[in-house]
Amino acid sequence: MPEYIPSPAKWVADQVELYERTNGAEGTTLRDTGMPVIIVTNRGRKTGAIRKTPLMRVADGDNYVLVASKGGAPAHPVWYHNLLADPNVQIRDRERVMDMRVREVSDAGERARLWGLAVAAYPPYADYQERTDRTIPVFIAEPV
């Protein structure tokens, strides 16, 4: 079993630990926003280690929309590159843990629909896109 390496960002590592320790009873919202999050577990492309990231909960039926916003920063988050290297992930949505496979959405119509769902779930995404010159990537996670 690959080693789990917690995020170097203390608040991320703490949130993942709380979310998992309580089986999704606590730690399920982004900091003090009250906005729901899921935990995405993936494999690091360089280390091969297990990585875990809280992301906004954007559901599309049985699927989840993953938005690589990094708060509108000029570069993609590290997990974006991890998902491209290995699209097999595990998603924890409160007490439910599901094996899923992700794909970056390239079709303009599908991306627009999913982006709309994402912004409806977490309105700051629209501001993040305004802050950056890059097109913020959108992934769809589908059950295996």
N, C-alpha and C. Protein backbone atom coordinates (compact mmCIF):
# COMPACT_ATOMS: atom_id res chain seq x y z
N MET A 1 0.85 -1.18 0.00
CA MET A 1 0.00 0.00 0.00
C MET A 1 0.89 1.24 0.00
N PRO A 2 0.65 2.18 -0.92
CA PRO A 2 1.46 3.40 -0.95
C PRO A 2 1.30 4.23 0.33
N GLU A 3 2.33 4.97 0.64
CA GLU A 3 2.33 5.84 1.81
C GLU A 3 1.39 7.02 1.60
N TYR A 4 0.69 7.43 2.66
CA TYR A 4 -0.12 8.65 2.62
C TYR A 4 0.74 9.80 3.09
N ILE A 5 0.83 10.83 2.28
CA ILE A 5 1.56 12.04 2.65
C ILE A 5 0.54 13.17 2.80
N PRO A 6 0.30 13.64 4.03
CA PRO A 6 -0.65 14.74 4.22
C PRO A 6 -0.19 16.01 3.51
N SER A 7 -1.13 16.87 3.22
CA SER A 7 -0.83 18.15 2.58
C SER A 7 0.12 18.95 3.45
N PRO A 8 1.03 19.71 2.84
CA PRO A 8 1.89 20.60 3.62
C PRO A 8 1.10 21.79 4.19
N ALA A 9 -0.09 22.05 3.64
CA ALA A 9 -0.95 23.11 4.19
C ALA A 9 -1.66 22.53 5.42
N LYS A 10 -1.34 23.06 6.60
CA LYS A 10 -1.86 22.51 7.85
C LYS A 10 -3.38 22.43 7.87
N TRP A 11 -4.04 23.47 7.40
CA TRP A 11 -5.51 23.47 7.45
C TRP A 11 -6.09 22.35 6.59
N VAL A 12 -5.43 22.04 5.46
CA VAL A 12 -5.90 20.95 4.59
C VAL A 12 -5.70 19.61 5.30
N ALA A 13 -4.51 19.39 5.81
CA ALA A 13 -4.22 18.14 6.52
C ALA A 13 -5.15 17.95 7.71
N ASP A 14 -5.40 19.03 8.46
CA ASP A 14 -6.28 18.95 9.61
C ASP A 14 -7.72 18.63 9.19
N GLN A 15 -8.18 19.26 8.11
CA GLN A 15 -9.55 19.01 7.67
C GLN A 15 -9.72 17.57 7.20
N VAL A 16 -8.77 17.07 6.42
CA VAL A 16 -8.84 15.68 5.95
C VAL A 16 -8.85 14.74 7.15
N GLU A 17 -7.99 14.98 8.12
CA GLU A 17 -7.92 14.11 9.29
C GLU A 17 -9.25 14.11 10.04
N LEU A 18 -9.83 15.28 10.27
CA LEU A 18 -11.10 15.38 10.98
C LEU A 18 -12.23 14.71 10.20
N TYR A 19 -12.30 14.97 8.93
CA TYR A 19 -13.34 14.40 8.06
C TYR A 19 -13.29 12.88 8.12
N GLU A 20 -12.08 12.32 7.97
CA GLU A 20 -11.96 10.86 7.96
C GLU A 20 -12.11 10.25 9.35
N ARG A 21 -11.56 10.89 10.37
CA ARG A 21 -11.65 10.36 11.73
C ARG A 21 -13.09 10.26 12.20
N THR A 22 -13.94 11.20 11.75
CA THR A 22 -15.34 11.21 12.18
C THR A 22 -16.27 10.58 11.14
N ASN A 23 -15.68 9.92 10.14
CA ASN A 23 -16.45 9.28 9.08
C ASN A 23 -17.42 10.26 8.42
N GLY A 24 -16.96 11.48 8.21
CA GLY A 24 -17.77 12.48 7.52
C GLY A 24 -18.81 13.17 8.38
N ALA A 25 -18.73 13.02 9.69
CA ALA A 25 -19.66 13.71 10.57
C ALA A 25 -19.20 15.14 10.86
N GLU A 26 -17.87 15.38 10.75
CA GLU A 26 -17.30 16.71 11.01
C GLU A 26 -16.29 17.02 9.90
N GLY A 27 -15.97 18.31 9.77
CA GLY A 27 -14.98 18.72 8.78
C GLY A 27 -15.51 18.71 7.36
N THR A 28 -16.83 18.75 7.22
CA THR A 28 -17.44 18.58 5.90
C THR A 28 -17.72 19.88 5.17
N THR A 29 -17.30 21.00 5.76
CA THR A 29 -17.48 22.28 5.07
C THR A 29 -16.14 22.99 4.95
N LEU A 30 -16.04 23.85 3.94
CA LEU A 30 -14.81 24.58 3.69
C LEU A 30 -14.63 25.66 4.74
N ARG A 31 -13.65 25.47 5.57
CA ARG A 31 -13.32 26.41 6.65
C ARG A 31 -14.58 26.95 7.29
N ASP A 32 -14.75 28.27 7.26
CA ASP A 32 -15.91 28.88 7.91
C ASP A 32 -17.01 29.28 6.94
N THR A 33 -16.97 28.75 5.71
CA THR A 33 -17.94 29.17 4.71
C THR A 33 -19.28 28.44 4.84
N GLY A 34 -19.27 27.27 5.45
CA GLY A 34 -20.47 26.46 5.49
C GLY A 34 -20.74 25.72 4.20
N MET A 35 -19.85 25.86 3.21
CA MET A 35 -20.03 25.22 1.91
C MET A 35 -19.49 23.79 1.98
N PRO A 36 -20.28 22.79 1.53
CA PRO A 36 -19.87 21.39 1.67
C PRO A 36 -18.69 21.00 0.78
N VAL A 37 -17.86 20.12 1.33
CA VAL A 37 -16.71 19.60 0.59
C VAL A 37 -16.72 18.08 0.58
N ILE A 38 -16.00 17.54 -0.37
CA ILE A 38 -15.70 16.11 -0.46
C ILE A 38 -14.20 15.97 -0.29
N ILE A 39 -13.75 14.76 -0.04
CA ILE A 39 -12.31 14.49 0.01
C ILE A 39 -11.96 13.65 -1.21
N VAL A 40 -11.01 14.14 -2.00
CA VAL A 40 -10.56 13.42 -3.19
C VAL A 40 -9.19 12.82 -2.88
N THR A 41 -9.11 11.50 -2.98
CA THR A 41 -7.86 10.78 -2.75
C THR A 41 -7.30 10.36 -4.10
N ASN A 42 -6.04 10.70 -4.33
CA ASN A 42 -5.39 10.36 -5.60
C ASN A 42 -3.94 10.00 -5.32
N ARG A 43 -3.26 9.61 -6.37
CA ARG A 43 -1.85 9.22 -6.27
C ARG A 43 -0.98 10.34 -6.83
N GLY A 44 0.06 10.71 -6.06
CA GLY A 44 0.99 11.73 -6.52
C GLY A 44 1.76 11.24 -7.73
N ARG A 45 1.85 12.07 -8.75
CA ARG A 45 2.50 11.63 -9.99
C ARG A 45 4.01 11.50 -9.85
N LYS A 46 4.61 12.23 -8.95
CA LYS A 46 6.07 12.16 -8.76
C LYS A 46 6.45 11.16 -7.68
N THR A 47 5.71 11.16 -6.56
CA THR A 47 6.07 10.32 -5.42
C THR A 47 5.39 8.96 -5.43
N GLY A 48 4.25 8.87 -6.11
CA GLY A 48 3.45 7.65 -6.06
C GLY A 48 2.68 7.52 -4.75
N ALA A 49 2.83 8.51 -3.87
CA ALA A 49 2.18 8.48 -2.56
C ALA A 49 0.70 8.85 -2.69
N ILE A 50 -0.05 8.48 -1.67
CA ILE A 50 -1.47 8.84 -1.59
C ILE A 50 -1.57 10.29 -1.14
N ARG A 51 -2.40 11.06 -1.85
CA ARG A 51 -2.66 12.46 -1.52
C ARG A 51 -4.16 12.65 -1.33
N LYS A 52 -4.55 13.56 -0.45
CA LYS A 52 -5.96 13.79 -0.16
C LYS A 52 -6.23 15.29 -0.14
N THR A 53 -7.29 15.68 -0.85
CA THR A 53 -7.60 17.09 -1.00
C THR A 53 -9.09 17.34 -0.78
N PRO A 54 -9.44 18.27 0.10
CA PRO A 54 -10.85 18.67 0.19
C PRO A 54 -11.18 19.59 -0.98
N LEU A 55 -12.24 19.25 -1.70
CA LEU A 55 -12.71 20.08 -2.81
C LEU A 55 -14.20 20.35 -2.62
N MET A 56 -14.67 21.41 -3.24
CA MET A 56 -16.08 21.75 -3.13
C MET A 56 -16.93 20.59 -3.62
N ARG A 57 -18.04 20.35 -2.94
CA ARG A 57 -18.97 19.28 -3.33
C ARG A 57 -19.88 19.82 -4.43
N VAL A 58 -19.61 19.36 -5.65
CA VAL A 58 -20.44 19.72 -6.80
C VAL A 58 -20.90 18.40 -7.42
N ALA A 59 -22.14 18.05 -7.16
CA ALA A 59 -22.67 16.78 -7.65
C ALA A 59 -23.39 16.99 -8.97
N ASP A 60 -23.30 15.97 -9.81
CA ASP A 60 -24.03 15.92 -11.08
C ASP A 60 -24.58 14.51 -11.20
N GLY A 61 -25.72 14.27 -10.57
CA GLY A 61 -26.25 12.91 -10.49
C GLY A 61 -25.34 12.08 -9.61
N ASP A 62 -24.87 10.94 -10.14
CA ASP A 62 -23.93 10.07 -9.41
C ASP A 62 -22.49 10.52 -9.58
N ASN A 63 -22.26 11.54 -10.37
CA ASN A 63 -20.92 12.04 -10.67
C ASN A 63 -20.60 13.26 -9.81
N TYR A 64 -19.31 13.61 -9.79
CA TYR A 64 -18.86 14.81 -9.10
C TYR A 64 -18.04 15.66 -10.07
N VAL A 65 -18.18 16.97 -9.93
CA VAL A 65 -17.44 17.92 -10.74
C VAL A 65 -16.29 18.43 -9.87
N LEU A 66 -15.07 18.30 -10.38
CA LEU A 66 -13.88 18.75 -9.66
C LEU A 66 -13.30 19.95 -10.40
N VAL A 67 -13.16 21.06 -9.71
CA VAL A 67 -12.73 22.31 -10.31
C VAL A 67 -11.32 22.65 -9.83
N ALA A 68 -10.38 22.74 -10.76
CA ALA A 68 -8.98 23.00 -10.43
C ALA A 68 -8.72 24.50 -10.39
N SER A 69 -9.38 25.17 -9.46
CA SER A 69 -9.34 26.64 -9.43
C SER A 69 -8.10 27.22 -8.77
N LYS A 70 -7.65 26.61 -7.70
CA LYS A 70 -6.53 27.14 -6.89
C LYS A 70 -6.75 28.62 -6.58
N GLY A 71 -8.02 28.95 -6.31
CA GLY A 71 -8.35 30.32 -5.92
C GLY A 71 -8.07 31.36 -6.99
N GLY A 72 -7.98 30.94 -8.25
CA GLY A 72 -7.69 31.88 -9.33
C GLY A 72 -6.21 32.16 -9.51
N ALA A 73 -5.37 31.34 -8.92
CA ALA A 73 -3.91 31.50 -9.08
C ALA A 73 -3.52 31.26 -10.54
N PRO A 74 -2.35 31.75 -10.96
CA PRO A 74 -1.94 31.59 -12.35
C PRO A 74 -1.59 30.16 -12.76
N ALA A 75 -1.28 29.30 -11.80
CA ALA A 75 -0.90 27.91 -12.11
C ALA A 75 -1.97 26.95 -11.59
N HIS A 76 -2.04 25.79 -12.23
CA HIS A 76 -2.96 24.75 -11.78
C HIS A 76 -2.50 24.19 -10.43
N PRO A 77 -3.45 23.70 -9.62
CA PRO A 77 -3.06 23.03 -8.38
C PRO A 77 -2.31 21.73 -8.69
N VAL A 78 -1.50 21.28 -7.76
CA VAL A 78 -0.71 20.06 -7.95
C VAL A 78 -1.62 18.87 -8.26
N TRP A 79 -2.76 18.79 -7.58
CA TRP A 79 -3.64 17.64 -7.79
C TRP A 79 -4.14 17.54 -9.23
N TYR A 80 -4.21 18.66 -9.93
CA TYR A 80 -4.60 18.64 -11.35
C TYR A 80 -3.66 17.71 -12.13
N HIS A 81 -2.37 17.89 -11.93
CA HIS A 81 -1.37 17.09 -12.64
C HIS A 81 -1.43 15.62 -12.19
N ASN A 82 -1.71 15.41 -10.91
CA ASN A 82 -1.86 14.04 -10.41
C ASN A 82 -3.01 13.32 -11.11
N LEU A 83 -4.13 14.01 -11.30
CA LEU A 83 -5.29 13.38 -11.94
C LEU A 83 -5.03 13.08 -13.41
N LEU A 84 -4.27 13.93 -14.08
CA LEU A 84 -3.91 13.65 -15.47
C LEU A 84 -3.03 12.40 -15.56
N ALA A 85 -2.13 12.24 -14.59
CA ALA A 85 -1.20 11.11 -14.59
C ALA A 85 -1.90 9.80 -14.21
N ASP A 86 -2.86 9.87 -13.29
CA ASP A 86 -3.59 8.68 -12.85
C ASP A 86 -5.02 9.10 -12.55
N PRO A 87 -5.96 8.80 -13.44
CA PRO A 87 -7.34 9.26 -13.27
C PRO A 87 -8.17 8.47 -12.27
N ASN A 88 -7.59 7.47 -11.64
CA ASN A 88 -8.33 6.68 -10.65
C ASN A 88 -8.27 7.36 -9.30
N VAL A 89 -9.43 7.69 -8.77
CA VAL A 89 -9.51 8.40 -7.50
C VAL A 89 -10.51 7.71 -6.58
N GLN A 90 -10.49 8.12 -5.34
CA GLN A 90 -11.52 7.72 -4.39
C GLN A 90 -12.12 9.02 -3.87
N ILE A 91 -13.43 9.06 -3.82
CA ILE A 91 -14.11 10.25 -3.32
C ILE A 91 -14.89 9.87 -2.07
N ARG A 92 -14.69 10.69 -1.02
CA ARG A 92 -15.45 10.53 0.22
C ARG A 92 -16.42 11.70 0.29
N ASP A 93 -17.69 11.37 0.33
CA ASP A 93 -18.76 12.35 0.48
C ASP A 93 -19.47 12.00 1.78
N ARG A 94 -19.05 12.68 2.85
CA ARG A 94 -19.47 12.34 4.20
C ARG A 94 -19.08 10.90 4.50
N GLU A 95 -20.04 10.00 4.76
CA GLU A 95 -19.68 8.62 5.10
C GLU A 95 -19.54 7.73 3.88
N ARG A 96 -19.94 8.19 2.72
CA ARG A 96 -19.85 7.39 1.50
C ARG A 96 -18.45 7.51 0.88
N VAL A 97 -17.85 6.37 0.55
CA VAL A 97 -16.54 6.33 -0.10
C VAL A 97 -16.70 5.55 -1.39
N MET A 98 -16.32 6.20 -2.51
CA MET A 98 -16.56 5.62 -3.82
C MET A 98 -15.30 5.64 -4.67
N ASP A 99 -15.05 4.54 -5.36
CA ASP A 99 -13.98 4.50 -6.35
C ASP A 99 -14.53 5.13 -7.63
N MET A 100 -13.75 6.07 -8.18
CA MET A 100 -14.21 6.79 -9.36
C MET A 100 -13.04 6.98 -10.32
N ARG A 101 -13.39 7.35 -11.52
CA ARG A 101 -12.40 7.66 -12.55
C ARG A 101 -12.73 9.04 -13.07
N VAL A 102 -11.70 9.87 -13.22
CA VAL A 102 -11.92 11.24 -13.68
C VAL A 102 -11.45 11.43 -15.11
N ARG A 103 -12.02 12.42 -15.74
CA ARG A 103 -11.54 12.87 -17.04
C ARG A 103 -11.71 14.38 -17.09
N GLU A 104 -10.71 15.03 -17.70
CA GLU A 104 -10.81 16.48 -17.87
C GLU A 104 -11.83 16.73 -18.97
N VAL A 105 -12.73 17.65 -18.73
CA VAL A 105 -13.80 17.94 -19.68
C VAL A 105 -13.27 18.91 -20.73
N SER A 106 -13.31 18.47 -21.99
CA SER A 106 -12.81 19.31 -23.08
C SER A 106 -13.94 19.79 -24.00
N ASP A 107 -15.05 19.07 -24.03
CA ASP A 107 -16.18 19.49 -24.86
C ASP A 107 -16.76 20.80 -24.30
N ALA A 108 -16.86 21.82 -25.15
CA ALA A 108 -17.27 23.16 -24.70
C ALA A 108 -18.67 23.15 -24.08
N GLY A 109 -19.60 22.45 -24.67
CA GLY A 109 -20.95 22.41 -24.14
C GLY A 109 -21.03 21.72 -22.80
N GLU A 110 -20.35 20.58 -22.70
CA GLU A 110 -20.34 19.85 -21.43
C GLU A 110 -19.64 20.67 -20.35
N ARG A 111 -18.54 21.32 -20.72
CA ARG A 111 -17.81 22.14 -19.75
C ARG A 111 -18.68 23.29 -19.27
N ALA A 112 -19.38 23.95 -20.18
CA ALA A 112 -20.23 25.08 -19.80
C ALA A 112 -21.33 24.63 -18.83
N ARG A 113 -21.93 23.49 -19.08
CA ARG A 113 -22.97 22.98 -18.20
C ARG A 113 -22.41 22.67 -16.81
N LEU A 114 -21.26 21.98 -16.78
CA LEU A 114 -20.66 21.61 -15.50
C LEU A 114 -20.12 22.83 -14.76
N TRP A 115 -19.57 23.80 -15.50
CA TRP A 115 -19.10 25.03 -14.88
C TRP A 115 -20.27 25.76 -14.22
N GLY A 116 -21.41 25.76 -14.88
CA GLY A 116 -22.61 26.37 -14.30
C GLY A 116 -23.01 25.70 -13.00
N LEU A 117 -22.96 24.38 -12.96
CA LEU A 117 -23.25 23.65 -11.72
C LEU A 117 -22.25 24.03 -10.63
N ALA A 118 -20.98 24.13 -11.01
CA ALA A 118 -19.93 24.45 -10.04
C ALA A 118 -20.13 25.85 -9.46
N VAL A 119 -20.40 26.82 -10.31
CA VAL A 119 -20.59 28.19 -9.84
C VAL A 119 -21.85 28.30 -8.98
N ALA A 120 -22.89 27.54 -9.33
CA ALA A 120 -24.11 27.54 -8.50
C ALA A 120 -23.81 26.96 -7.11
N ALA A 121 -22.97 25.94 -7.06
CA ALA A 121 -22.62 25.32 -5.78
C ALA A 121 -21.65 26.18 -4.97
N TYR A 122 -20.76 26.89 -5.67
CA TYR A 122 -19.73 27.69 -5.01
C TYR A 122 -19.48 28.95 -5.84
N PRO A 123 -20.27 30.01 -5.62
CA PRO A 123 -20.18 31.22 -6.45
C PRO A 123 -18.78 31.84 -6.59
N PRO A 124 -17.87 31.72 -5.61
CA PRO A 124 -16.54 32.31 -5.81
C PRO A 124 -15.77 31.78 -7.03
N TYR A 125 -16.17 30.61 -7.57
CA TYR A 125 -15.49 30.13 -8.77
C TYR A 125 -15.51 31.16 -9.89
N ALA A 126 -16.62 31.87 -10.04
CA ALA A 126 -16.72 32.89 -11.10
C ALA A 126 -15.66 33.98 -10.89
N ASP A 127 -15.46 34.40 -9.64
CA ASP A 127 -14.43 35.40 -9.33
C ASP A 127 -13.04 34.85 -9.59
N TYR A 128 -12.83 33.58 -9.25
CA TYR A 128 -11.52 32.96 -9.48
C TYR A 128 -11.17 32.98 -10.96
N GLN A 129 -12.16 32.70 -11.82
CA GLN A 129 -11.89 32.70 -13.26
C GLN A 129 -11.53 34.10 -13.74
N GLU A 130 -12.16 35.11 -13.15
CA GLU A 130 -11.86 36.50 -13.51
C GLU A 130 -10.43 36.89 -13.13
N ARG A 131 -9.89 36.28 -12.07
CA ARG A 131 -8.56 36.62 -11.56
C ARG A 131 -7.41 36.05 -12.37
N THR A 132 -7.69 35.07 -13.22
CA THR A 132 -6.60 34.37 -13.89
C THR A 132 -6.78 34.37 -15.40
N ASP A 133 -5.66 34.29 -16.10
CA ASP A 133 -5.69 34.20 -17.56
C ASP A 133 -5.92 32.77 -18.03
N ARG A 134 -5.67 31.80 -17.17
CA ARG A 134 -5.86 30.40 -17.58
C ARG A 134 -7.33 30.04 -17.51
N THR A 135 -7.72 29.12 -18.35
CA THR A 135 -9.06 28.56 -18.23
C THR A 135 -9.01 27.53 -17.11
N ILE A 136 -9.82 27.72 -16.10
CA ILE A 136 -9.80 26.81 -14.96
C ILE A 136 -10.30 25.44 -15.41
N PRO A 137 -9.49 24.40 -15.22
CA PRO A 137 -9.89 23.06 -15.64
C PRO A 137 -11.05 22.50 -14.82
N VAL A 138 -11.86 21.73 -15.52
CA VAL A 138 -12.99 21.04 -14.91
C VAL A 138 -12.85 19.56 -15.22
N PHE A 139 -12.99 18.73 -14.17
CA PHE A 139 -12.99 17.28 -14.33
C PHE A 139 -14.37 16.77 -13.96
N ILE A 140 -14.73 15.64 -14.54
CA ILE A 140 -15.91 14.91 -14.10
C ILE A 140 -15.41 13.58 -13.54
N ALA A 141 -15.88 13.27 -12.33
CA ALA A 141 -15.55 11.99 -11.68
C ALA A 141 -16.77 11.10 -11.81
N GLU A 142 -16.55 9.93 -12.40
CA GLU A 142 -17.65 9.00 -12.67
C GLU A 142 -17.37 7.67 -11.95
N PRO A 143 -18.45 7.01 -11.46
CA PRO A 143 -18.26 5.73 -10.77
C PRO A 143 -17.55 4.72 -11.67
N VAL A 144 -16.71 3.91 -11.05
CA VAL A 144 -15.99 2.88 -11.80
C VAL A 144 -16.95 1.74 -12.09
